[in-house]
């Protein structure tokens, strides 16, 4: 089991929100169980307690800085963008051996969603399967994966799933009656997604 002392968390909030009017999606208010607050705050509430938190963001830095240390895509020194750029920027300045990654637009993530990632393969990267599909941006990465990721990005490649396969990441199933429900792993990318996810 990877301990909390060896772990940092990264919340990916650097997207363009193109299907939601270019809104900064993680900062949009979302109602979950009667609590209306920014999506990123719902996500942060599910992360392991007392672990350093990094937030990949390319705008609204001051608002995100109230929630964790902000890293931007421009800090990866490769002139690339997208979720892997955010992951690489975080891995470059990581102070712990492991990085737990999740998107900032998954406001329905259940408590404990990350536990299978930390428990089953202590020597290799892991990614979650929610019972219906792979969730490559719900993953746990060793700090030394940064070298592989840099080479991958330098080759002009951007597929998260393909890179995780390349480094031999283990697919870990969500477990339990709650955490294995695929409904809780929805990204909010469009008004339709918002409607389906809302109570």
Protein backbone atom coordinates (compact mmCIF):
# COMPACT_ATOMS: atom_id res chain seq x y z
CA UNK A 1 0.00 0.00 0.00
CA UNK A 2 1.34 3.43 -0.94
CA UNK A 3 1.23 5.56 2.21
CA UNK A 4 -0.01 9.14 2.37
CA UNK A 5 3.50 10.25 3.36
CA UNK A 6 4.73 9.17 -0.09
CA UNK A 7 1.87 10.74 -2.03
CA UNK A 8 0.92 14.06 -3.62
CA UNK A 9 -2.31 14.75 -5.50
CA UNK A 10 -2.85 16.52 -8.83
CA UNK A 11 -6.22 17.88 -9.91
CA UNK A 12 -6.39 18.64 -13.63
CA UNK A 13 -8.16 21.97 -14.24
CA UNK A 14 -6.35 23.20 -17.32
CA UNK A 15 -8.90 22.44 -20.05
CA UNK A 16 -10.50 24.96 -22.39
CA UNK A 17 -14.15 24.07 -21.67
CA UNK A 18 -14.94 24.40 -25.37
CA UNK A 19 -18.25 22.53 -25.12
CA UNK A 20 -19.40 24.64 -22.17
CA UNK A 21 -18.87 28.08 -23.69
CA UNK A 22 -15.14 28.02 -22.84
CA UNK A 23 -16.01 28.23 -19.16
CA UNK A 24 -13.40 27.23 -16.59
CA UNK A 25 -15.39 24.10 -15.82
CA UNK A 26 -13.97 23.10 -12.44
CA UNK A 27 -14.95 26.51 -11.03
CA UNK A 28 -18.60 26.19 -12.10
CA UNK A 29 -21.05 25.60 -9.28
CA UNK A 30 -22.45 22.06 -9.11
CA UNK A 31 -25.11 20.71 -6.75
CA UNK A 32 -24.20 17.41 -5.15
CA UNK A 33 -26.32 16.01 -2.35
CA UNK A 34 -27.72 19.44 -1.59
CA UNK A 35 -24.34 21.16 -1.53
CA UNK A 36 -23.72 23.69 -4.30
CA UNK A 37 -20.07 24.59 -4.76
CA UNK A 38 -17.45 24.60 -7.52
CA UNK A 39 -16.86 21.20 -9.10
CA UNK A 40 -13.21 21.27 -8.09
CA UNK A 41 -14.23 21.54 -4.43
CA UNK A 42 -16.36 18.41 -4.71
CA UNK A 43 -13.34 16.65 -6.21
CA UNK A 44 -10.93 17.94 -3.56
CA UNK A 45 -13.23 16.62 -0.83
CA UNK A 46 -12.66 13.06 -2.08
CA UNK A 47 -8.85 13.14 -2.01
CA UNK A 48 -6.69 11.59 0.72
CA UNK A 49 -6.44 13.83 3.75
CA UNK A 50 -3.21 15.61 4.66
CA UNK A 51 -1.50 15.12 1.30
CA UNK A 52 0.06 17.97 -0.73
CA UNK A 53 -2.25 19.08 -3.53
CA UNK A 54 -1.21 20.46 -6.90
CA UNK A 55 -3.69 22.00 -9.33
CA UNK A 56 -2.97 22.07 -13.05
CA UNK A 57 -4.50 25.35 -14.26
CA UNK A 58 -3.90 27.77 -17.11
CA UNK A 59 -6.21 30.59 -15.97
CA UNK A 60 -7.80 31.87 -12.76
CA UNK A 61 -4.56 31.09 -10.93
CA UNK A 62 -5.48 33.12 -7.86
CA UNK A 63 -8.73 31.25 -7.32
CA UNK A 64 -7.04 27.89 -7.67
CA UNK A 65 -4.12 28.94 -5.47
CA UNK A 66 -6.54 29.07 -2.52
CA UNK A 67 -6.98 25.32 -2.98
CA UNK A 68 -3.45 24.09 -3.68
CA UNK A 69 -0.18 24.81 -5.43
CA UNK A 70 -0.89 25.84 -9.04
CA UNK A 71 1.18 24.43 -11.92
CA UNK A 72 0.58 25.57 -15.49
CA UNK A 73 1.25 23.81 -18.79
CA UNK A 74 3.89 26.46 -19.50
CA UNK A 75 5.97 25.04 -16.64
CA UNK A 76 6.66 21.82 -18.54
CA UNK A 77 9.10 23.68 -20.88
CA UNK A 78 7.92 21.76 -23.97
CA UNK A 79 5.34 24.13 -25.48
CA UNK A 80 2.67 21.42 -25.33
CA UNK A 81 -0.83 21.49 -23.87
CA UNK A 82 -3.43 19.05 -22.62
CA UNK A 83 -3.71 16.77 -19.60
CA UNK A 84 -0.34 15.10 -20.10
CA UNK A 85 1.35 18.49 -20.14
CA UNK A 86 -0.23 19.17 -16.76
CA UNK A 87 0.87 15.77 -15.46
CA UNK A 88 4.43 16.31 -16.67
CA UNK A 89 4.62 19.80 -15.15
CA UNK A 90 3.54 18.31 -11.81
CA UNK A 91 5.93 15.35 -11.98
CA UNK A 92 8.84 17.72 -12.66
CA UNK A 93 8.39 19.48 -9.32
CA UNK A 94 7.08 16.61 -7.24
CA UNK A 95 8.45 16.30 -3.71
CA UNK A 96 7.02 12.82 -3.12
CA UNK A 97 7.60 9.46 -4.85
CA UNK A 98 4.00 9.09 -6.09
CA UNK A 99 1.41 11.30 -7.77
CA UNK A 100 -2.33 10.61 -7.61
CA UNK A 101 -4.09 12.21 -10.59
CA UNK A 102 -7.75 13.10 -11.14
CA UNK A 103 -9.76 15.54 -13.29
CA UNK A 104 -11.33 18.63 -11.79
CA UNK A 105 -14.60 18.10 -13.70
CA UNK A 106 -15.72 14.85 -12.03
CA UNK A 107 -17.90 16.25 -9.23
CA UNK A 108 -19.55 12.90 -8.45
CA UNK A 109 -16.36 11.00 -7.56
CA UNK A 110 -17.08 8.78 -4.56
CA UNK A 111 -15.13 8.79 -1.34
CA UNK A 112 -12.34 6.23 -1.46
CA UNK A 113 -12.25 6.05 -5.27
CA UNK A 114 -8.43 6.12 -5.18
CA UNK A 115 -7.90 3.30 -2.68
CA UNK A 116 -7.57 0.48 -5.28
CA UNK A 117 -4.88 2.51 -7.07
CA UNK A 118 -2.76 2.70 -3.94
CA UNK A 119 -3.27 -0.83 -2.68
CA UNK A 120 -2.57 -3.34 -5.40
CA UNK A 121 0.60 -2.59 -7.40
CA UNK A 122 3.05 -0.72 -5.17
CA UNK A 123 5.88 -0.76 -7.72
CA UNK A 124 4.10 0.39 -10.88
CA UNK A 125 1.72 2.98 -12.26
CA UNK A 126 -1.98 2.17 -12.00
CA UNK A 127 -5.18 3.39 -13.64
CA UNK A 128 -8.78 2.81 -12.70
CA UNK A 129 -11.50 0.85 -14.50
CA UNK A 130 -14.92 2.01 -13.32
CA UNK A 131 -16.76 -1.19 -14.25
CA UNK A 132 -17.68 0.00 -17.75
CA UNK A 133 -14.61 1.75 -19.12
CA UNK A 134 -11.05 2.74 -18.42
CA UNK A 135 -10.48 6.03 -16.62
CA UNK A 136 -6.90 6.92 -17.64
CA UNK A 137 -7.00 10.27 -15.83
CA UNK A 138 -7.74 8.51 -12.56
CA UNK A 139 -4.28 7.12 -12.05
CA UNK A 140 -1.32 6.89 -9.71
CA UNK A 141 2.14 7.52 -11.15
CA UNK A 142 5.68 7.11 -9.84
CA UNK A 143 7.78 10.26 -9.97
CA UNK A 144 10.35 8.55 -12.19
CA UNK A 145 7.72 8.27 -14.94
CA UNK A 146 8.51 11.89 -15.77
CA UNK A 147 11.43 10.88 -18.03
CA UNK A 148 9.24 8.56 -20.09
CA UNK A 149 6.51 11.17 -20.31
CA UNK A 150 8.93 13.84 -21.51
CA UNK A 151 10.12 11.59 -24.35
CA UNK A 152 6.52 10.79 -25.25
CA UNK A 153 5.55 14.45 -25.43
CA UNK A 154 8.69 15.34 -27.40
CA UNK A 155 7.55 12.81 -30.01
CA UNK A 156 4.35 14.83 -30.42
CA UNK A 157 2.11 12.23 -28.79
CA UNK A 158 -0.77 13.15 -26.50
CA UNK A 159 -2.86 10.02 -25.77
CA UNK A 160 -3.02 9.44 -22.03
CA UNK A 161 -4.19 5.86 -22.46
CA UNK A 162 -1.43 5.00 -24.94
CA UNK A 163 1.28 6.44 -22.69
CA UNK A 164 0.01 4.54 -19.65
CA UNK A 165 0.04 1.35 -21.70
CA UNK A 166 3.56 2.13 -22.88
CA UNK A 167 4.87 2.39 -19.30
CA UNK A 168 3.09 -0.81 -18.27
CA UNK A 169 0.48 0.73 -16.00
CA UNK A 170 -1.73 -1.85 -14.30
CA UNK A 171 -5.49 -1.59 -14.76
CA UNK A 172 -7.20 -1.71 -11.37
CA UNK A 173 -10.96 -2.24 -11.00
CA UNK A 174 -13.01 0.01 -8.76
CA UNK A 175 -14.43 -2.03 -5.91
CA UNK A 176 -17.46 -1.94 -3.68
CA UNK A 177 -21.10 -1.24 -4.44
CA UNK A 178 -20.53 2.52 -4.50
CA UNK A 179 -17.11 3.09 -6.03
CA UNK A 180 -17.75 0.61 -8.87
CA UNK A 181 -20.82 2.52 -10.11
CA UNK A 182 -19.81 4.08 -13.45
CA UNK A 183 -22.26 6.98 -12.90
CA UNK A 184 -19.84 8.53 -10.42
CA UNK A 185 -17.03 8.78 -12.97
CA UNK A 186 -18.66 11.20 -15.41
CA UNK A 187 -16.74 14.14 -16.77
CA UNK A 188 -18.83 17.27 -17.21
CA UNK A 189 -17.92 18.33 -20.74
CA UNK A 190 -21.21 19.60 -22.17
CA UNK A 191 -24.68 20.80 -21.14
CA UNK A 192 -25.92 17.24 -21.78
CA UNK A 193 -23.36 15.83 -19.36
CA UNK A 194 -24.41 18.43 -16.80
CA UNK A 195 -28.06 17.46 -17.14
CA UNK A 196 -27.31 13.72 -16.78
CA UNK A 197 -25.11 14.21 -13.73
CA UNK A 198 -27.36 16.65 -11.89
CA UNK A 199 -29.79 15.28 -9.28
